[in-house]
């Protein structure tokens, strides 16, 4: 093992590592989790696995590598595991066969045996070959960061749509990783004399892996069809809100940044708040009012994370449409995190991936009650369009509402016209969605002076022609 002295600041910045330091496994301290109370949240009810974490550090500083492994430890704990050890290896690239160097995998096997671990979790996405080779050497189950996140999503999905999205993502991941066990087994007739099918049917038959792949592809097709149907309902609801002229605000941010706590604080929605990663998967949409009384909707969305699996982004694309089609994104940041700027960058990468990079963004620096004031000051300097709050204590919430109102699009138009009595429905909508200044009645109809949403203003003008 290499000591901390092997990784001097000069070596980190220049890449001038000694051979032993570059190839060595470095233990990451502070990862062991002591889960004394295993009843506070639902996912603790599953059997706890003892896991060892392993990461390959290819770029950045040693602090970046250790931070990534600490986040992996939180993910593993969220999945219901107990982290007993964690190691990283400095390499230019992961080993194409064994992820860690082949010699270091043998050292990792010794750690697994010494700790009694039954699972190794790698901090990256492994190829099918790497997974198979590592399990052959380590003699325990091996999973990667992508599958771990998918597993957490599967535990937390509650709605029919959420479950379908996670299932689709898992199948997309599994399909290329099906192992060729039982490839010689025949699922159909086959053989020289046993088949009654006649000419052309005496062959090896369909292997187990081929059957599994065909079954998974059929299930994926079915899930995509079901998700398309669910998406229609979501699109209809969004279109209805848009026609009513109600602006939409999407709450986005890193997982565990406090998005659900903020939604509850602003609307009293009663959404699950849990100090765990990915507690919210199903979007929650609630009505809210600005300080001047203007209605808008708030949508709580799934949390993001560094290296969010692309299968999940694809599967949750319909859900993330709430962010893409929003008038404003309230980007919640955990200001008490050790790397809040890294969180901001990771979230923006996903927003760009779902074509939401053009939506106006308001940064909300949450957890001000426990954050380092100096870090908050630096973040405000970097992100001037920001508000500092604590969703837990209520600090800064009034300022946040004012900032949201200032950023909402100006969709209201002033109208002063006579509406035929036959279109009383338009008068009712003006009262419901606009600001009515005065109403008078005469022989020809109702004289309406009001500020109303743009779409309603156009309908009123058409009715009066």
Protein backbone atom coordinates (compact mmCIF):
# COMPACT_ATOMS: atom_id res chain seq x y z
CA UNK A 1 0.00 0.00 0.00
CA UNK A 2 1.24 3.51 -0.65
CA UNK A 3 1.14 6.12 2.06
CA UNK A 4 -0.30 9.62 1.90
CA UNK A 5 3.21 10.93 1.40
CA UNK A 6 3.32 9.21 -1.99
CA UNK A 7 0.75 11.69 -3.29
CA UNK A 8 2.32 15.13 -2.82
CA UNK A 9 0.58 18.24 -4.11
CA UNK A 10 3.29 18.71 -6.74
CA UNK A 11 2.82 15.16 -8.01
CA UNK A 12 -0.95 15.64 -8.20
CA UNK A 13 -0.63 18.77 -10.31
CA UNK A 14 2.12 17.56 -12.63
CA UNK A 15 1.25 13.89 -12.96
CA UNK A 16 4.81 12.94 -11.98
CA UNK A 17 3.94 9.88 -9.96
CA UNK A 18 6.52 7.36 -8.83
CA UNK A 19 5.91 3.94 -10.30
CA UNK A 20 4.95 2.42 -6.95
CA UNK A 21 2.54 5.26 -6.17
CA UNK A 22 0.89 5.08 -9.58
CA UNK A 23 0.29 1.35 -9.37
CA UNK A 24 -0.55 1.18 -5.68
CA UNK A 25 -3.91 0.73 -4.04
CA UNK A 26 -4.73 3.57 -1.69
CA UNK A 27 -7.11 2.91 1.19
CA UNK A 28 -9.78 5.58 1.59
CA UNK A 29 -10.54 6.29 5.21
CA UNK A 30 -13.88 7.23 6.73
CA UNK A 31 -16.00 4.95 4.55
CA UNK A 32 -17.10 2.30 7.04
CA UNK A 33 -20.79 2.74 7.84
CA UNK A 34 -22.22 1.78 11.19
CA UNK A 35 -25.92 1.19 10.65
CA UNK A 36 -27.11 0.83 14.24
CA UNK A 37 -30.69 1.93 13.60
CA UNK A 38 -31.83 -0.03 10.59
CA UNK A 39 -35.55 0.72 10.92
CA UNK A 40 -35.86 4.42 10.19
CA UNK A 41 -36.55 4.05 6.48
CA UNK A 42 -38.08 1.40 4.34
CA UNK A 43 -35.06 0.28 2.38
CA UNK A 44 -33.24 -0.78 5.56
CA UNK A 45 -35.50 -3.81 5.75
CA UNK A 46 -33.53 -5.68 3.08
CA UNK A 47 -30.61 -7.93 4.03
CA UNK A 48 -27.51 -5.86 4.64
CA UNK A 49 -24.53 -6.80 2.49
CA UNK A 50 -20.95 -6.10 3.45
CA UNK A 51 -19.29 -4.33 0.55
CA UNK A 52 -15.80 -3.20 -0.43
CA UNK A 53 -15.55 -0.23 -2.79
CA UNK A 54 -12.93 0.03 -5.53
CA UNK A 55 -12.17 2.98 -7.77
CA UNK A 56 -9.71 3.86 -10.52
CA UNK A 57 -8.42 7.42 -10.34
CA UNK A 58 -7.56 8.64 -13.84
CA UNK A 59 -7.68 12.44 -13.54
CA UNK A 60 -8.03 15.28 -11.07
CA UNK A 61 -6.60 15.30 -7.55
CA UNK A 62 -6.59 12.62 -4.90
CA UNK A 63 -9.27 14.61 -3.07
CA UNK A 64 -11.54 14.34 -6.12
CA UNK A 65 -11.01 10.58 -6.22
CA UNK A 66 -11.71 10.13 -2.52
CA UNK A 67 -14.79 12.37 -2.73
CA UNK A 68 -16.16 10.21 -5.53
CA UNK A 69 -15.63 7.07 -3.46
CA UNK A 70 -17.31 8.66 -0.43
CA UNK A 71 -20.33 9.40 -2.61
CA UNK A 72 -20.28 5.78 -3.77
CA UNK A 73 -20.31 4.78 -0.09
CA UNK A 74 -23.46 6.89 0.44
CA UNK A 75 -25.06 5.23 -2.58
CA UNK A 76 -24.16 1.78 -1.23
CA UNK A 77 -25.59 2.66 2.17
CA UNK A 78 -28.78 3.93 0.54
CA UNK A 79 -29.08 0.56 -1.21
CA UNK A 80 -28.93 -1.13 2.19
CA UNK A 81 -25.29 -2.18 2.35
CA UNK A 82 -22.60 -1.82 4.98
CA UNK A 83 -19.33 -0.44 3.62
CA UNK A 84 -16.36 -2.13 5.29
CA UNK A 85 -13.48 -0.80 3.17
CA UNK A 86 -12.62 1.22 0.09
CA UNK A 87 -9.57 1.49 -2.16
CA UNK A 88 -8.51 3.53 -5.17
CA UNK A 89 -5.74 2.95 -7.71
CA UNK A 90 -4.01 5.64 -9.78
CA UNK A 91 -3.98 4.66 -13.46
CA UNK A 92 -4.09 6.52 -16.76
CA UNK A 93 -7.05 4.33 -17.77
CA UNK A 94 -8.93 1.43 -16.17
CA UNK A 95 -7.51 -1.97 -17.06
CA UNK A 96 -9.56 -3.26 -20.04
CA UNK A 97 -9.69 -6.77 -18.58
CA UNK A 98 -9.96 -6.33 -14.82
CA UNK A 99 -10.70 -2.59 -14.21
CA UNK A 100 -7.98 -2.43 -11.52
CA UNK A 101 -4.59 -3.77 -12.56
CA UNK A 102 -4.54 -7.56 -12.58
CA UNK A 103 -2.05 -7.69 -9.69
CA UNK A 104 -4.10 -5.23 -7.66
CA UNK A 105 -7.21 -7.34 -8.13
CA UNK A 106 -5.41 -10.10 -6.19
CA UNK A 107 -4.69 -7.58 -3.41
CA UNK A 108 -8.36 -6.60 -3.48
CA UNK A 109 -9.24 -10.30 -3.11
CA UNK A 110 -7.15 -10.40 0.09
CA UNK A 111 -9.07 -7.38 1.43
CA UNK A 112 -12.38 -9.04 0.58
CA UNK A 113 -11.34 -12.22 2.42
CA UNK A 114 -10.04 -10.30 5.44
CA UNK A 115 -13.20 -8.19 5.83
CA UNK A 116 -15.69 -10.96 5.07
CA UNK A 117 -17.28 -8.86 2.34
CA UNK A 118 -19.74 -10.51 -0.03
CA UNK A 119 -19.86 -7.76 -2.70
CA UNK A 120 -17.41 -5.45 -4.46
CA UNK A 121 -18.75 -2.21 -5.96
CA UNK A 122 -16.63 -0.50 -8.60
CA UNK A 123 -16.79 3.28 -9.03
CA UNK A 124 -17.43 3.24 -12.76
CA UNK A 125 -19.36 1.37 -15.45
CA UNK A 126 -17.79 -2.03 -16.10
CA UNK A 127 -17.86 -3.89 -19.38
CA UNK A 128 -19.37 -7.39 -19.45
CA UNK A 129 -15.85 -8.84 -19.73
CA UNK A 130 -14.58 -6.89 -16.71
CA UNK A 131 -17.54 -8.01 -14.61
CA UNK A 132 -17.02 -11.65 -15.50
CA UNK A 133 -13.25 -11.58 -14.94
CA UNK A 134 -13.50 -9.79 -11.59
CA UNK A 135 -16.04 -12.27 -10.25
CA UNK A 136 -13.84 -15.17 -11.36
CA UNK A 137 -10.89 -13.77 -9.38
CA UNK A 138 -12.65 -12.24 -6.36
CA UNK A 139 -15.14 -15.09 -5.86
CA UNK A 140 -17.82 -12.62 -4.73
CA UNK A 141 -20.55 -10.63 -6.46
CA UNK A 142 -19.30 -7.58 -8.39
CA UNK A 143 -21.50 -4.64 -9.37
CA UNK A 144 -20.66 -1.23 -10.80
CA UNK A 145 -21.81 2.29 -10.01
CA UNK A 146 -24.42 2.23 -12.77
CA UNK A 147 -26.13 -0.93 -11.53
CA UNK A 148 -26.00 0.36 -7.93
CA UNK A 149 -27.89 3.52 -8.92
CA UNK A 150 -30.39 1.46 -10.92
CA UNK A 151 -30.89 -0.77 -7.87
CA UNK A 152 -31.62 2.25 -5.66
CA UNK A 153 -34.10 3.58 -8.21
CA UNK A 154 -35.81 0.18 -8.29
CA UNK A 155 -36.19 0.26 -4.50
CA UNK A 156 -37.65 3.77 -4.44
CA UNK A 157 -39.98 3.68 -7.45
CA UNK A 158 -43.58 3.85 -6.26
CA UNK A 159 -45.80 4.90 -9.17
CA UNK A 160 -46.61 2.69 -12.15
CA UNK A 161 -44.71 5.06 -14.43
CA UNK A 162 -41.68 5.18 -12.14
CA UNK A 163 -41.50 1.40 -11.92
CA UNK A 164 -41.80 1.05 -15.69
CA UNK A 165 -39.04 3.63 -16.27
CA UNK A 166 -36.65 1.89 -13.86
CA UNK A 167 -37.42 -1.56 -15.31
CA UNK A 168 -36.67 -0.28 -18.82
CA UNK A 169 -33.36 1.23 -17.68
CA UNK A 170 -32.36 -2.01 -15.95
CA UNK A 171 -33.13 -4.06 -19.04
CA UNK A 172 -31.15 -1.69 -21.26
CA UNK A 173 -28.20 -2.21 -18.92
CA UNK A 174 -28.61 -5.99 -18.63
CA UNK A 175 -29.09 -6.84 -22.30
CA UNK A 176 -25.41 -6.59 -23.36
CA UNK A 177 -24.26 -8.13 -20.06
CA UNK A 178 -26.09 -11.44 -20.20
CA UNK A 179 -23.51 -14.10 -19.60
CA UNK A 180 -23.27 -17.09 -21.84
CA UNK A 181 -24.00 -19.62 -19.12
CA UNK A 182 -25.72 -22.68 -20.48
CA UNK A 183 -24.97 -21.76 -24.07
CA UNK A 184 -24.86 -25.44 -24.98
CA UNK A 185 -28.33 -26.05 -23.56
CA UNK A 186 -31.04 -26.50 -26.16
CA UNK A 187 -34.38 -24.82 -25.54
CA UNK A 188 -35.86 -26.22 -28.76
CA UNK A 189 -35.79 -29.66 -30.35
CA UNK A 190 -32.32 -29.95 -31.84
CA UNK A 191 -30.27 -33.11 -32.13
CA UNK A 192 -30.09 -35.77 -34.81
CA UNK A 193 -32.92 -38.04 -33.84
CA UNK A 194 -35.01 -36.54 -31.09
CA UNK A 195 -36.97 -33.98 -33.06
CA UNK A 196 -40.17 -34.75 -34.87
CA UNK A 197 -39.91 -31.52 -36.79
CA UNK A 198 -38.26 -33.04 -39.84
CA UNK A 199 -35.77 -31.47 -42.21
CA UNK A 200 -34.26 -28.16 -41.09
CA UNK A 201 -35.15 -28.54 -37.41
CA UNK A 202 -32.22 -30.73 -36.28
CA UNK A 203 -29.76 -28.20 -34.93
CA UNK A 204 -28.45 -26.91 -31.65
CA UNK A 205 -31.78 -25.22 -30.94
CA UNK A 206 -32.20 -21.86 -29.25
CA UNK A 207 -29.72 -21.37 -26.43
CA UNK A 208 -30.72 -20.06 -23.02
CA UNK A 209 -28.97 -16.73 -23.56
CA UNK A 210 -30.78 -16.22 -26.88
CA UNK A 211 -34.10 -16.93 -25.18
CA UNK A 212 -33.28 -14.50 -22.37
CA UNK A 213 -32.32 -11.78 -24.85
CA UNK A 214 -35.50 -12.30 -26.85
CA UNK A 215 -37.60 -12.16 -23.68
CA UNK A 216 -35.90 -8.96 -22.48
CA UNK A 217 -36.32 -7.27 -25.88
CA UNK A 218 -40.02 -8.15 -25.87
CA UNK A 219 -40.43 -6.73 -22.36
CA UNK A 220 -38.57 -3.55 -23.35
CA UNK A 221 -40.88 -3.07 -26.33
CA UNK A 222 -43.92 -3.48 -24.07
CA UNK A 223 -42.56 -1.02 -21.48
CA UNK A 224 -41.78 1.60 -24.12
CA UNK A 225 -45.34 1.29 -25.43
CA UNK A 226 -46.77 1.70 -21.90
CA UNK A 227 -44.56 4.71 -21.19
CA UNK A 228 -45.70 6.34 -24.44
CA UNK A 229 -49.31 6.05 -23.28
CA UNK A 230 -48.45 7.55 -19.86
CA UNK A 231 -46.53 10.36 -21.57
CA UNK A 232 -49.67 11.38 -23.49
CA UNK A 233 -51.47 12.11 -20.21
CA UNK A 234 -48.53 14.17 -18.93
CA UNK A 235 -48.36 16.17 -22.19
CA UNK A 236 -52.11 16.85 -22.03
CA UNK A 237 -51.82 18.12 -18.46
CA UNK A 238 -48.90 20.40 -19.35
CA UNK A 239 -50.79 21.77 -22.37
CA UNK A 240 -53.82 22.47 -20.19
CA UNK A 241 -51.72 24.44 -17.69
CA UNK A 242 -50.09 26.34 -20.54
CA UNK A 243 -53.46 27.27 -22.08
CA UNK A 244 -54.58 28.57 -18.69
CA UNK A 245 -51.55 30.85 -18.63
CA UNK A 246 -50.19 29.34 -15.40
CA UNK A 247 -46.36 29.52 -15.41
CA UNK A 248 -44.47 26.38 -14.43
CA UNK A 249 -41.43 26.20 -12.16
CA UNK A 250 -39.35 23.01 -11.97
CA UNK A 251 -37.27 22.24 -8.89
CA UNK A 252 -34.08 20.49 -10.00
CA UNK A 253 -30.81 19.71 -8.29
CA UNK A 254 -28.39 17.14 -6.98
CA UNK A 255 -29.80 14.23 -5.04
CA UNK A 256 -30.30 15.02 -1.33
CA UNK A 257 -29.93 18.78 -1.93
CA UNK A 258 -33.29 19.45 -0.24
CA UNK A 259 -35.69 19.73 -3.20
CA UNK A 260 -38.59 17.94 -1.52
CA UNK A 261 -38.07 19.91 1.70
CA UNK A 262 -38.29 23.13 -0.33
CA UNK A 263 -41.45 21.98 -2.10
CA UNK A 264 -43.04 21.19 1.27
CA UNK A 265 -41.96 24.56 2.67
CA UNK A 266 -43.43 26.47 -0.29
CA UNK A 267 -46.65 24.50 -0.78
CA UNK A 268 -47.22 22.20 2.20
CA UNK A 269 -47.23 19.31 -0.26
CA UNK A 270 -46.38 16.63 2.30
CA UNK A 271 -43.83 14.96 0.02
CA UNK A 272 -41.52 12.33 1.54
CA UNK A 273 -38.41 13.96 2.99
CA UNK A 274 -35.63 11.54 3.79
CA UNK A 275 -31.92 12.05 4.39
CA UNK A 276 -31.01 9.54 1.70
CA UNK A 277 -30.10 9.62 -1.96
CA UNK A 278 -32.89 9.43 -4.55
CA UNK A 279 -35.76 9.52 -2.03
CA UNK A 280 -37.90 11.19 -4.72
CA UNK A 281 -38.38 9.49 -8.09
CA UNK A 282 -41.94 10.34 -9.06
CA UNK A 283 -42.52 13.99 -9.97
CA UNK A 284 -44.86 15.90 -7.69
CA UNK A 285 -46.67 18.97 -9.05
CA UNK A 286 -48.31 21.48 -6.71
CA UNK A 287 -49.83 24.93 -7.03
CA UNK A 288 -48.17 27.91 -5.39
CA UNK A 289 -48.69 31.67 -5.22
CA UNK A 290 -46.22 34.48 -5.65
CA UNK A 291 -46.17 37.35 -3.11
CA UNK A 292 -48.47 39.37 -5.41
CA UNK A 293 -50.94 36.48 -5.64
CA UNK A 294 -49.96 35.14 -9.06
CA UNK A 295 -50.51 31.40 -9.48
CA UNK A 296 -47.73 29.12 -10.70
CA UNK A 297 -46.97 25.40 -10.50
CA UNK A 298 -44.00 23.81 -8.73
CA UNK A 299 -42.72 20.42 -9.93
CA UNK A 300 -40.35 18.36 -7.80
CA UNK A 301 -38.12 16.17 -9.99
CA UNK A 302 -35.75 13.25 -9.55
CA UNK A 303 -32.36 14.17 -8.13
CA UNK A 304 -29.27 14.09 -10.30
CA UNK A 305 -25.84 12.70 -9.48
CA UNK A 306 -22.39 12.62 -11.05
CA UNK A 307 -22.20 10.11 -13.88
CA UNK A 308 -25.95 9.52 -13.88
CA UNK A 309 -26.42 6.38 -16.01
CA UNK A 310 -27.48 7.28 -19.53
CA UNK A 311 -30.03 4.45 -19.38
CA UNK A 312 -31.80 6.34 -16.59
CA UNK A 313 -31.72 9.65 -18.44
CA UNK A 314 -33.31 7.95 -21.44
CA UNK A 315 -35.89 6.05 -19.40
CA UNK A 316 -36.85 9.13 -17.35
CA UNK A 317 -36.85 11.46 -20.34
CA UNK A 318 -40.66 11.81 -20.32
CA UNK A 319 -40.60 12.70 -16.62
CA UNK A 320 -37.78 15.18 -17.18
CA UNK A 321 -39.95 16.92 -19.78
CA UNK A 322 -41.33 18.81 -16.77
CA UNK A 323 -37.93 20.49 -16.54
CA UNK A 324 -37.50 21.04 -20.28
CA UNK A 325 -40.94 22.66 -20.67
CA UNK A 326 -40.73 24.77 -17.49
CA UNK A 327 -40.70 28.57 -17.56
CA UNK A 328 -38.08 28.61 -14.77
CA UNK A 329 -35.73 26.08 -13.17
CA UNK A 330 -35.14 26.49 -9.44
CA UNK A 331 -31.76 24.77 -9.13
CA UNK A 332 -31.35 23.68 -5.50
CA UNK A 333 -27.76 23.28 -4.28
CA UNK A 334 -26.58 21.79 -0.99
CA UNK A 335 -24.36 24.66 0.17
CA UNK A 336 -23.07 22.51 3.06
CA UNK A 337 -21.63 19.87 0.71
CA UNK A 338 -17.85 19.60 0.39
CA UNK A 339 -18.06 20.22 -3.37
CA UNK A 340 -21.18 22.30 -4.18
CA UNK A 341 -19.63 23.59 -7.42
CA UNK A 342 -19.19 20.01 -8.61
CA UNK A 343 -22.87 19.39 -7.88
CA UNK A 344 -23.89 22.43 -9.93
CA UNK A 345 -21.79 21.28 -12.89
CA UNK A 346 -23.16 17.72 -12.71
CA UNK A 347 -26.77 18.95 -12.69
CA UNK A 348 -26.18 21.29 -15.62
CA UNK A 349 -24.71 18.43 -17.65
CA UNK A 350 -27.93 16.45 -17.22
CA UNK A 351 -30.09 19.53 -17.93
CA UNK A 352 -28.24 20.00 -21.21
CA UNK A 353 -28.66 16.29 -21.95
CA UNK A 354 -32.46 16.61 -21.73
CA UNK A 355 -32.49 19.83 -23.80
CA UNK A 356 -33.29 22.02 -20.80
CA UNK A 357 -30.15 24.14 -20.93
CA UNK A 358 -32.07 27.07 -22.45
CA UNK A 359 -34.56 27.39 -19.56
CA UNK A 360 -33.92 30.37 -17.21
CA UNK A 361 -32.24 29.19 -14.00
CA UNK A 362 -32.37 30.48 -10.42
CA UNK A 363 -29.71 29.02 -8.11
CA UNK A 364 -30.98 28.31 -4.58
CA UNK A 365 -28.21 27.74 -2.02
CA UNK A 366 -29.95 25.53 0.53
CA UNK A 367 -28.93 24.37 4.04
CA UNK A 368 -27.63 27.82 4.96
CA UNK A 369 -28.15 26.92 8.63
CA UNK A 370 -25.25 24.42 8.50
CA UNK A 371 -23.18 25.70 5.56
CA UNK A 372 -19.80 27.40 5.87
CA UNK A 373 -20.46 31.18 5.39
CA UNK A 374 -17.21 31.56 3.43
CA UNK A 375 -18.26 28.84 0.97
CA UNK A 376 -21.67 30.49 0.59
CA UNK A 377 -19.97 33.84 -0.16
CA UNK A 378 -17.76 32.21 -2.81
CA UNK A 379 -20.80 30.55 -4.41
CA UNK A 380 -22.67 33.87 -4.52
CA UNK A 381 -19.66 35.42 -6.23
CA UNK A 382 -19.61 32.63 -8.83
CA UNK A 383 -23.40 32.46 -9.26
CA UNK A 384 -24.71 36.03 -8.85
CA UNK A 385 -28.30 35.05 -9.71
CA UNK A 386 -28.72 33.15 -6.44
CA UNK A 387 -30.76 33.13 -3.25
CA UNK A 388 -29.55 31.74 0.09
CA UNK A 389 -32.14 29.78 2.07
CA UNK A 390 -32.71 27.03 4.59
CA UNK A 391 -35.73 24.89 3.72
CA UNK A 392 -35.48 23.42 7.21
CA UNK A 393 -35.69 26.69 9.19
CA UNK A 394 -37.49 28.88 6.63
CA UNK A 395 -34.62 31.33 6.32
CA UNK A 396 -34.68 33.20 2.99
CA UNK A 397 -37.99 31.73 1.76
CA UNK A 398 -39.62 35.16 1.34
CA UNK A 399 -36.66 36.36 -0.71
CA UNK A 400 -36.87 33.20 -2.81
CA UNK A 401 -40.55 33.78 -3.63
CA UNK A 402 -39.79 37.35 -4.68
CA UNK A 403 -36.95 36.11 -6.90
CA UNK A 404 -39.21 33.46 -8.47
CA UNK A 405 -41.90 36.08 -9.17
CA UNK A 406 -39.35 38.39 -10.79
CA UNK A 407 -38.19 35.56 -13.07
CA UNK A 408 -41.65 34.35 -14.13
CA UNK A 409 -42.47 35.20 -17.74
CA UNK A 410 -44.70 38.20 -18.34
CA UNK A 411 -47.57 36.42 -20.03
CA UNK A 412 -50.29 38.83 -18.85
CA UNK A 413 -51.87 41.30 -21.26
CA UNK A 414 -54.23 44.15 -20.49
CA UNK A 415 -57.61 44.06 -22.27
CA UNK A 416 -60.54 46.51 -22.25
CA UNK A 417 -63.41 45.25 -24.43
CA UNK A 418 -67.06 44.20 -24.51
CA UNK A 419 -67.59 40.45 -24.31
CA UNK A 420 -70.88 39.00 -25.63
CA UNK A 421 -73.15 37.59 -22.93
CA UNK A 422 -72.98 34.24 -24.71
CA UNK A 423 -69.29 33.99 -23.72
CA UNK A 424 -69.67 34.13 -19.98
CA UNK A 425 -67.13 31.32 -19.78
CA UNK A 426 -64.41 33.76 -20.84
CA UNK A 427 -65.39 36.19 -18.07
CA UNK A 428 -65.15 33.33 -15.55
CA UNK A 429 -61.68 32.42 -16.79
CA UNK A 430 -60.57 36.05 -16.54
CA UNK A 431 -61.56 36.03 -12.86
CA UNK A 432 -59.84 32.67 -12.28
CA UNK A 433 -56.55 33.26 -14.08
CA UNK A 434 -56.16 37.04 -14.40
CA UNK A 435 -56.41 40.31 -12.53
CA UNK A 436 -59.85 41.86 -13.16
CA UNK A 437 -59.77 45.66 -12.83
CA UNK A 438 -63.45 46.38 -13.55
CA UNK A 439 -66.60 44.74 -14.93
CA UNK A 440 -69.64 46.62 -16.32
CA UNK A 441 -72.78 45.41 -18.07
CA UNK A 442 -74.65 47.07 -20.94
CA UNK A 443 -77.01 46.03 -23.72
CA UNK A 444 -74.44 44.32 -25.91
CA UNK A 445 -72.44 42.43 -23.32
CA UNK A 446 -70.01 42.61 -20.42
CA UNK A 447 -67.35 45.31 -20.51
CA UNK A 448 -64.19 43.74 -19.12
CA UNK A 449 -61.07 45.65 -18.12
CA UNK A 450 -58.44 43.19 -16.90
CA UNK A 451 -54.94 41.78 -17.14
CA UNK A 452 -55.19 38.21 -18.37
CA UNK A 453 -52.89 35.48 -19.77
CA UNK A 454 -51.84 35.94 -23.37
CA UNK A 455 -53.83 32.95 -24.66
CA UNK A 456 -57.02 34.17 -22.97
CA UNK A 457 -56.48 37.69 -24.28
CA UNK A 458 -56.41 36.32 -27.83
CA UNK A 459 -59.61 34.33 -27.25
CA UNK A 460 -61.36 37.44 -25.84
CA UNK A 461 -60.37 39.52 -28.87
CA UNK A 462 -61.62 36.79 -31.22
CA UNK A 463 -64.96 36.57 -29.37
CA UNK A 464 -65.46 40.33 -29.68
CA UNK A 465 -64.82 40.52 -33.41
